[in-house]
PDB file of N, CA and C in Angstrom:
ATOM      1  N   MET A   1     -19.490   1.072 -19.173  1.00  0.00           N
ATOM      2  CA  MET A   1     -18.765   0.423 -19.638  1.00  0.00           C
ATOM      3  C   MET A   1     -17.316   0.034 -18.044  1.00  0.00           C
ATOM      4  N   ALA A   2     -17.248  -1.549 -17.522  1.00  0.00           N
ATOM      5  CA  ALA A   2     -16.796  -1.747 -16.563  1.00  0.00           C
ATOM      6  C   ALA A   2     -15.107  -1.995 -16.663  1.00  0.00           C
ATOM      7  N   LYS A   3     -14.660  -0.477 -15.805  1.00  0.00           N
ATOM      8  CA  LYS A   3     -13.087  -0.676 -15.979  1.00  0.00           C
ATOM      9  C   LYS A   3     -12.617  -1.771 -14.611  1.00  0.00           C
ATOM     10  N   ARG A   4     -11.521  -1.940 -14.959  1.00  0.00           N
ATOM     11  CA  ARG A   4     -10.900  -2.992 -13.677  1.00  0.00           C
ATOM     12  C   ARG A   4      -9.515  -2.040 -12.904  1.00  0.00           C
ATOM     13  N   SER A   5      -9.037  -1.804 -11.620  1.00  0.00           N
ATOM     14  CA  SER A   5      -8.049  -1.322 -11.417  1.00  0.00           C
ATOM     15  C   SER A   5      -6.567  -0.973 -12.429  1.00  0.00           C
ATOM     16  N   SER A   6      -6.615  -2.403 -12.464  1.00  0.00           N
ATOM     17  CA  SER A   6      -5.373  -2.290 -13.479  1.00  0.00           C
ATOM     18  C   SER A   6      -5.668  -1.651 -15.181  1.00  0.00           C
ATOM     19  N   ASP A   7      -6.166  -1.225 -15.527  1.00  0.00           N
ATOM     20  CA  ASP A   7      -6.489  -0.382 -16.613  1.00  0.00           C
ATOM     21  C   ASP A   7      -6.166   1.108 -16.237  1.00  0.00           C
ATOM     22  N   PHE A   8      -5.895   1.311 -14.580  1.00  0.00           N
ATOM     23  CA  PHE A   8      -5.690   2.388 -14.509  1.00  0.00           C
ATOM     24  C   PHE A   8      -4.163   1.890 -14.055  1.00  0.00           C
ATOM     25  N   ARG A   9      -3.360   1.722 -14.278  1.00  0.00           N
ATOM     26  CA  ARG A   9      -1.721   1.121 -13.643  1.00  0.00           C
ATOM     27  C   ARG A   9      -0.984   2.374 -15.210  1.00  0.00           C
ATOM     28  N   GLN A  10      -0.291   2.639 -14.304  1.00  0.00           N
ATOM     29  CA  GLN A  10       1.094   3.636 -15.180  1.00  0.00           C
ATOM     30  C   GLN A  10       0.249   4.389 -16.714  1.00  0.00           C
ATOM     31  N   LYS A  11      -0.777   4.450 -16.637  1.00  0.00           N
ATOM     32  CA  LYS A  11      -1.560   5.830 -17.254  1.00  0.00           C
ATOM     33  C   LYS A  11      -0.990   7.355 -16.776  1.00  0.00           C
ATOM     34  N   GLU A  12      -0.847   8.439 -18.040  1.00  0.00           N
ATOM     35  CA  GLU A  12       0.332   9.136 -17.731  1.00  0.00           C
ATOM     36  C   GLU A  12      -0.969   9.837 -16.969  1.00  0.00           C
ATOM     37  N   VAL A  13      -0.586  10.746 -15.855  1.00  0.00           N
ATOM     38  CA  VAL A  13      -1.249  11.658 -15.413  1.00  0.00           C
ATOM     39  C   VAL A  13      -1.352  13.125 -15.741  1.00  0.00           C
ATOM     40  N   ILE A  14      -2.165  13.927 -16.569  1.00  0.00           N
ATOM     41  CA  ILE A  14      -2.046  15.252 -16.516  1.00  0.00           C
ATOM     42  C   ILE A  14      -2.755  16.737 -15.755  1.00  0.00           C
ATOM     43  N   SER A  15      -2.554  17.000 -15.461  1.00  0.00           N
ATOM     44  CA  SER A  15      -3.276  18.712 -14.375  1.00  0.00           C
ATOM     45  C   SER A  15      -3.853  19.510 -16.287  1.00  0.00           C
ATOM     46  N   ILE A  16      -5.319  19.455 -15.803  1.00  0.00           N
ATOM     47  CA  ILE A  16      -5.230  20.131 -17.269  1.00  0.00           C
ATOM     48  C   ILE A  16      -5.677  21.952 -16.462  1.00  0.00           C
ATOM     49  N   THR A  17      -5.598  21.950 -15.433  1.00  0.00           N
ATOM     50  CA  THR A  17      -5.817  23.170 -14.586  1.00  0.00           C
ATOM     51  C   THR A  17      -4.493  23.816 -14.135  1.00  0.00           C
ATOM     52  N   GLU A  18      -3.461  22.938 -13.830  1.00  0.00           N
ATOM     53  CA  GLU A  18      -1.880  24.029 -13.507  1.00  0.00           C
ATOM     54  C   GLU A  18      -1.269  23.321 -14.785  1.00  0.00           C
ATOM     55  N   GLY A  19      -1.552  22.386 -15.844  1.00  0.00           N
ATOM     56  CA  GLY A  19      -0.718  22.369 -17.389  1.00  0.00           C
ATOM     57  C   GLY A  19       0.499  21.852 -17.252  1.00  0.00           C
ATOM     58  N   ARG A  20       0.751  21.336 -16.558  1.00  0.00           N
ATOM     59  CA  ARG A  20       1.228  19.774 -16.331  1.00  0.00           C
ATOM     60  C   ARG A  20       1.861  18.190 -16.214  1.00  0.00           C
ATOM     61  N   ARG A  21       2.296  18.218 -16.250  1.00  0.00           N
ATOM     62  CA  ARG A  21       2.422  16.392 -16.284  1.00  0.00           C
ATOM     63  C   ARG A  21       3.194  15.748 -14.883  1.00  0.00           C
ATOM     64  N   LEU A  22       2.304  14.942 -14.086  1.00  0.00           N
ATOM     65  CA  LEU A  22       2.073  14.459 -12.857  1.00  0.00           C
ATOM     66  C   LEU A  22       2.532  13.499 -12.247  1.00  0.00           C
ATOM     67  N   GLY A  23       2.443  12.394 -14.136  1.00  0.00           N
ATOM     68  CA  GLY A  23       3.396  11.333 -13.359  1.00  0.00           C
ATOM     69  C   GLY A  23       2.702  10.157 -13.554  1.00  0.00           C
ATOM     70  N   PHE A  24       2.875   9.189 -13.508  1.00  0.00           N
ATOM     71  CA  PHE A  24       1.807   8.327 -13.960  1.00  0.00           C
ATOM     72  C   PHE A  24       1.280   7.376 -12.646  1.00  0.00           C
ATOM     73  N   VAL A  25      -0.086   6.951 -12.998  1.00  0.00           N
ATOM     74  CA  VAL A  25      -0.924   6.235 -11.986  1.00  0.00           C
ATOM     75  C   VAL A  25       0.106   5.031 -11.575  1.00  0.00           C
ATOM     76  N   SER A  26       0.197   4.804  -9.856  1.00  0.00           N
ATOM     77  CA  SER A  26       0.658   3.652  -9.527  1.00  0.00           C
ATOM     78  C   SER A  26      -0.384   2.951  -8.618  1.00  0.00           C
ATOM     79  N   ASP A  27      -1.259   3.317  -8.384  1.00  0.00           N
ATOM     80  CA  ASP A  27      -2.336   2.513  -7.418  1.00  0.00           C
ATOM     81  C   ASP A  27      -3.646   2.870  -7.472  1.00  0.00           C
ATOM     82  N   VAL A  28      -4.689   2.514  -6.993  1.00  0.00           N
ATOM     83  CA  VAL A  28      -6.093   3.411  -7.085  1.00  0.00           C
ATOM     84  C   VAL A  28      -6.720   3.205  -5.344  1.00  0.00           C
ATOM     85  N   GLU A  29      -7.022   4.243  -5.086  1.00  0.00           N
ATOM     86  CA  GLU A  29      -7.624   3.489  -3.981  1.00  0.00           C
ATOM     87  C   GLU A  29      -9.701   3.157  -3.532  1.00  0.00           C
ATOM     88  N   ILE A  30      -9.852   1.719  -3.978  1.00  0.00           N
ATOM     89  CA  ILE A  30     -10.884   1.095  -3.575  1.00  0.00           C
ATOM     90  C   ILE A  30     -11.706   1.583  -2.050  1.00  0.00           C
ATOM     91  N   ASP A  31     -13.267   1.926  -2.493  1.00  0.00           N
ATOM     92  CA  ASP A  31     -14.174   1.455  -1.137  1.00  0.00           C
ATOM     93  C   ASP A  31     -15.417   0.337  -1.784  1.00  0.00           C
ATOM     94  N   PHE A  32     -14.805  -0.601  -0.830  1.00  0.00           N
ATOM     95  CA  PHE A  32     -15.183  -1.877  -0.856  1.00  0.00           C
ATOM     96  C   PHE A  32     -16.873  -2.390  -0.692  1.00  0.00           C
ATOM     97  N   GLU A  33     -17.034  -1.436   0.113  1.00  0.00           N
ATOM     98  CA  GLU A  33     -18.645  -1.187   0.843  1.00  0.00           C
ATOM     99  C   GLU A  33     -19.340  -0.927  -0.119  1.00  0.00           C
ATOM    100  N   ARG A  34     -18.190   0.087  -0.972  1.00  0.00           N
ATOM    101  CA  ARG A  34     -19.795   0.904  -1.775  1.00  0.00           C
ATOM    102  C   ARG A  34     -19.223   0.104  -3.231  1.00  0.00           C
ATOM    103  N   GLY A  35     -18.159  -0.107  -2.908  1.00  0.00           N
ATOM    104  CA  GLY A  35     -18.210  -0.541  -4.545  1.00  0.00           C
ATOM    105  C   GLY A  35     -17.553   0.400  -5.474  1.00  0.00           C
ATOM    106  N   VAL A  36     -16.488   1.407  -5.164  1.00  0.00           N
ATOM    107  CA  VAL A  36     -16.323   2.648  -5.634  1.00  0.00           C
ATOM    108  C   VAL A  36     -14.499   2.665  -5.426  1.00  0.00           C
ATOM    109  N   ILE A  37     -14.126   3.399  -6.937  1.00  0.00           N
ATOM    110  CA  ILE A  37     -12.927   3.677  -7.426  1.00  0.00           C
ATOM    111  C   ILE A  37     -13.290   4.993  -6.027  1.00  0.00           C
ATOM    112  N   GLU A  38     -12.411   5.019  -5.232  1.00  0.00           N
ATOM    113  CA  GLU A  38     -11.937   6.784  -3.870  1.00  0.00           C
ATOM    114  C   GLU A  38     -11.237   7.785  -4.687  1.00  0.00           C
ATOM    115  N   SER A  39     -10.018   7.284  -5.173  1.00  0.00           N
ATOM    116  CA  SER A  39      -9.374   8.299  -6.140  1.00  0.00           C
ATOM    117  C   SER A  39      -8.132   7.060  -6.572  1.00  0.00           C
ATOM    118  N   ILE A  40      -7.320   8.264  -7.273  1.00  0.00           N
ATOM    119  CA  ILE A  40      -5.735   7.328  -8.059  1.00  0.00           C
ATOM    120  C   ILE A  40      -5.137   8.005  -6.921  1.00  0.00           C
ATOM    121  N   ILE A  41      -3.251   7.231  -7.253  1.00  0.00           N
ATOM    122  CA  ILE A  41      -1.758   7.378  -6.683  1.00  0.00           C
ATOM    123  C   ILE A  41      -1.364   7.733  -7.416  1.00  0.00           C
ATOM    124  N   ILE A  42       0.076   8.689  -7.482  1.00  0.00           N
ATOM    125  CA  ILE A  42       0.743   8.762  -7.917  1.00  0.00           C
ATOM    126  C   ILE A  42       1.832   8.792  -7.314  1.00  0.00           C
ATOM    127  N   PRO A  43       2.996   8.287  -7.601  1.00  0.00           N
ATOM    128  CA  PRO A  43       4.329   8.435  -6.751  1.00  0.00           C
ATOM    129  C   PRO A  43       5.307  10.036  -6.786  1.00  0.00           C
ATOM    130  N   GLY A  44       5.254  10.158  -5.444  1.00  0.00           N
ATOM    131  CA  GLY A  44       5.458  11.433  -5.193  1.00  0.00           C
ATOM    132  C   GLY A  44       6.844  11.904  -6.110  1.00  0.00           C
ATOM    133  N   PRO A  45       7.168  13.367  -6.566  1.00  0.00           N
ATOM    134  CA  PRO A  45       8.371  13.749  -7.547  1.00  0.00           C
ATOM    135  C   PRO A  45       9.547  13.303  -7.114  1.00  0.00           C
ATOM    136  N   SER A  46       9.785  12.704  -6.216  1.00  0.00           N
ATOM    137  CA  SER A  46      11.579  11.919  -5.580  1.00  0.00           C
ATOM    138  C   SER A  46      11.449  10.788  -5.724  1.00  0.00           C
ATOM    139  N   ARG A  47      10.340   9.407  -5.969  1.00  0.00           N
ATOM    140  CA  ARG A  47      10.410   8.391  -6.124  1.00  0.00           C
ATOM    141  C   ARG A  47      10.493   8.440  -6.605  1.00  0.00           C
ATOM    142  N   PHE A  48      11.064   7.037  -7.181  1.00  0.00           N
ATOM    143  CA  PHE A  48      11.928   6.417  -8.624  1.00  0.00           C
ATOM    144  C   PHE A  48      11.414   5.268  -8.710  1.00  0.00           C
ATOM    145  N   PHE A  49      10.294   4.843  -9.238  1.00  0.00           N
ATOM    146  CA  PHE A  49       9.862   3.517  -9.556  1.00  0.00           C
ATOM    147  C   PHE A  49       8.627   3.342  -8.849  1.00  0.00           C
ATOM    148  N   GLY A  50       8.398   4.455  -7.820  1.00  0.00           N
ATOM    149  CA  GLY A  50       7.426   4.197  -6.539  1.00  0.00           C
ATOM    150  C   GLY A  50       7.745   3.263  -5.847  1.00  0.00           C
ATOM    151  N   LEU A  51       8.993   3.059  -5.760  1.00  0.00           N
ATOM    152  CA  LEU A  51       9.704   2.728  -4.677  1.00  0.00           C
ATOM    153  C   LEU A  51      10.895   3.302  -3.759  1.00  0.00           C
ATOM    154  N   PHE A  52      11.667   3.883  -5.067  1.00  0.00           N
ATOM    155  CA  PHE A  52      12.914   4.851  -3.735  1.00  0.00           C
ATOM    156  C   PHE A  52      13.084   6.009  -3.531  1.00  0.00           C
ATOM    157  N   GLY A  53      12.550   6.439  -2.491  1.00  0.00           N
ATOM    158  CA  GLY A  53      12.815   8.139  -2.222  1.00  0.00           C
ATOM    159  C   GLY A  53      12.419   8.332  -1.169  1.00  0.00           C
ATOM    160  N   SER A  54      11.952  10.299  -0.659  1.00  0.00           N
ATOM    161  CA  SER A  54      11.517  10.117   0.406  1.00  0.00           C
ATOM    162  C   SER A  54       9.954  11.182   0.196  1.00  0.00           C
ATOM    163  N   GLY A  55       9.245  11.707  -1.476  1.00  0.00           N
ATOM    164  CA  GLY A  55       8.480  12.136  -1.721  1.00  0.00           C
ATOM    165  C   GLY A  55       6.942  11.671  -1.658  1.00  0.00           C
ATOM    166  N   GLU A  56       6.476  12.194  -1.419  1.00  0.00           N
ATOM    167  CA  GLU A  56       5.428  12.413  -0.712  1.00  0.00           C
ATOM    168  C   GLU A  56       3.671  11.318  -2.040  1.00  0.00           C
ATOM    169  N   ASP A  57       3.218  10.937  -2.134  1.00  0.00           N
ATOM    170  CA  ASP A  57       2.414  10.124  -3.732  1.00  0.00           C
ATOM    171  C   ASP A  57       0.994  11.642  -3.260  1.00  0.00           C
ATOM    172  N   VAL A  58       0.830  11.228  -4.688  1.00  0.00           N
ATOM    173  CA  VAL A  58      -0.015  12.223  -4.620  1.00  0.00           C
ATOM    174  C   VAL A  58      -1.395  12.225  -4.790  1.00  0.00           C
ATOM    175  N   ARG A  59      -2.143  12.169  -4.036  1.00  0.00           N
ATOM    176  CA  ARG A  59      -3.637  10.642  -4.032  1.00  0.00           C
ATOM    177  C   ARG A  59      -4.679  11.796  -5.221  1.00  0.00           C
ATOM    178  N   VAL A  60      -5.491  11.654  -6.078  1.00  0.00           N
ATOM    179  CA  VAL A  60      -5.997  12.580  -6.612  1.00  0.00           C
ATOM    180  C   VAL A  60      -7.461  11.922  -6.774  1.00  0.00           C
ATOM    181  N   PRO A  61      -8.747  12.071  -6.014  1.00  0.00           N
ATOM    182  CA  PRO A  61      -9.615  12.308  -5.800  1.00  0.00           C
ATOM    183  C   PRO A  61     -10.269  12.215  -7.154  1.00  0.00           C
ATOM    184  N   TRP A  62     -11.685  10.997  -6.973  1.00  0.00           N
ATOM    185  CA  TRP A  62     -11.880  10.443  -8.201  1.00  0.00           C
ATOM    186  C   TRP A  62     -12.644  11.596  -8.971  1.00  0.00           C
ATOM    187  N   GLU A  63     -14.001  12.727  -7.887  1.00  0.00           N
ATOM    188  CA  GLU A  63     -14.354  13.704  -8.393  1.00  0.00           C
ATOM    189  C   GLU A  63     -13.875  14.439  -9.315  1.00  0.00           C
ATOM    190  N   ASN A  64     -12.381  14.726  -9.215  1.00  0.00           N
ATOM    191  CA  ASN A  64     -11.131  15.670 -10.560  1.00  0.00           C
ATOM    192  C   ASN A  64     -10.450  14.776 -11.090  1.00  0.00           C
ATOM    193  N   ILE A  65     -11.223  13.851 -11.563  1.00  0.00           N
ATOM    194  CA  ILE A  65     -10.727  13.504 -12.907  1.00  0.00           C
ATOM    195  C   ILE A  65     -11.706  13.591 -13.740  1.00  0.00           C
ATOM    196  N   TYR A  66     -11.212  14.204 -14.700  1.00  0.00           N
ATOM    197  CA  TYR A  66     -11.726  15.196 -15.704  1.00  0.00           C
ATOM    198  C   TYR A  66     -12.013  14.045 -17.031  1.00  0.00           C
ATOM    199  N   LYS A  67     -11.099  13.087 -17.081  1.00  0.00           N
ATOM    200  CA  LYS A  67     -11.517  12.374 -18.705  1.00  0.00           C
ATOM    201  C   LYS A  67     -10.115  11.292 -18.776  1.00  0.00           C
ATOM    202  N   ILE A  68     -10.948  10.135 -18.624  1.00  0.00           N
ATOM    203  CA  ILE A  68      -9.753   8.476 -18.705  1.00  0.00           C
ATOM    204  C   ILE A  68      -9.848   8.515 -20.424  1.00  0.00           C
ATOM    205  N   GLY A  69      -8.252   8.346 -20.750  1.00  0.00           N
ATOM    206  CA  GLY A  69      -7.947   8.369 -22.094  1.00  0.00           C
ATOM    207  C   GLY A  69      -7.510   6.524 -21.855  1.00  0.00           C
ATOM    208  N   GLU A  70      -7.054   6.568 -23.056  1.00  0.00           N
ATOM    209  CA  GLU A  70      -6.577   4.966 -23.294  1.00  0.00           C
ATOM    210  C   GLU A  70      -5.234   5.295 -22.885  1.00  0.00           C
ATOM    211  N   ASP A  71      -4.167   6.241 -22.648  1.00  0.00           N
ATOM    212  CA  ASP A  71      -2.540   6.508 -22.598  1.00  0.00           C
ATOM    213  C   ASP A  71      -2.392   7.196 -21.419  1.00  0.00           C
ATOM    214  N   LEU A  72      -3.976   8.396 -21.359  1.00  0.00           N
ATOM    215  CA  LEU A  72      -3.609   9.117 -19.992  1.00  0.00           C
ATOM    216  C   LEU A  72      -5.207   9.549 -19.430  1.00  0.00           C
ATOM    217  N   ILE A  73      -4.749  10.210 -18.371  1.00  0.00           N
ATOM    218  CA  ILE A  73      -6.504  10.711 -17.594  1.00  0.00           C
ATOM    219  C   ILE A  73      -5.940  11.625 -17.112  1.00  0.00           C
ATOM    220  N   LEU A  74      -6.166  13.317 -18.052  1.00  0.00           N
ATOM    221  CA  LEU A  74      -6.498  14.357 -17.587  1.00  0.00           C
ATOM    222  C   LEU A  74      -7.361  14.536 -16.063  1.00  0.00           C
ATOM    223  N   VAL A  75      -6.994  15.145 -15.188  1.00  0.00           N
ATOM    224  CA  VAL A  75      -7.365  16.032 -13.201  1.00  0.00           C
ATOM    225  C   VAL A  75      -8.014  17.655 -14.031  1.00  0.00           C
ATOM    226  N   LYS A  76      -9.153  17.472 -12.868  1.00  0.00           N
ATOM    227  CA  LYS A  76      -9.578  18.770 -12.882  1.00  0.00           C
ATOM    228  C   LYS A  76      -8.055  20.053 -11.728  1.00  0.00           C
ATOM    229  N   THR A  77      -8.357  19.668 -10.637  1.00  0.00           N
ATOM    230  CA  THR A  77      -6.909  19.669  -9.185  1.00  0.00           C
ATOM    231  C   THR A  77      -7.272  19.493  -8.699  1.00  0.00           C
ATOM    232  N   LEU A  78      -5.713  19.537  -7.501  1.00  0.00           N
ATOM    233  CA  LEU A  78      -4.856  18.449  -7.122  1.00  0.00           C
ATOM    234  C   LEU A  78      -5.570  18.793  -5.498  1.00  0.00           C
ATOM    235  N   THR A  79      -5.522  17.473  -4.261  1.00  0.00           N
ATOM    236  CA  THR A  79      -6.094  18.345  -3.000  1.00  0.00           C
ATOM    237  C   THR A  79      -4.724  17.864  -2.095  1.00  0.00           C
TER     238      THR A  79
END
């Protein structure tokens, strides 16, 4: 099944390893040469709508994604 990068935006990300909500996907990193998604990006905890604040973004590598649902994404671990 083909996915678009826009399909990931604004899905909630939950860590099944830590048992907590991490936030919502704000962006994806794509390797255009290989044609694959490398990671999803979640704004850091002190960011407001991904715009204001100094919190570092959280990068979740594609291999850490456990399940992608209709409204949320479950991830195993963070790097």
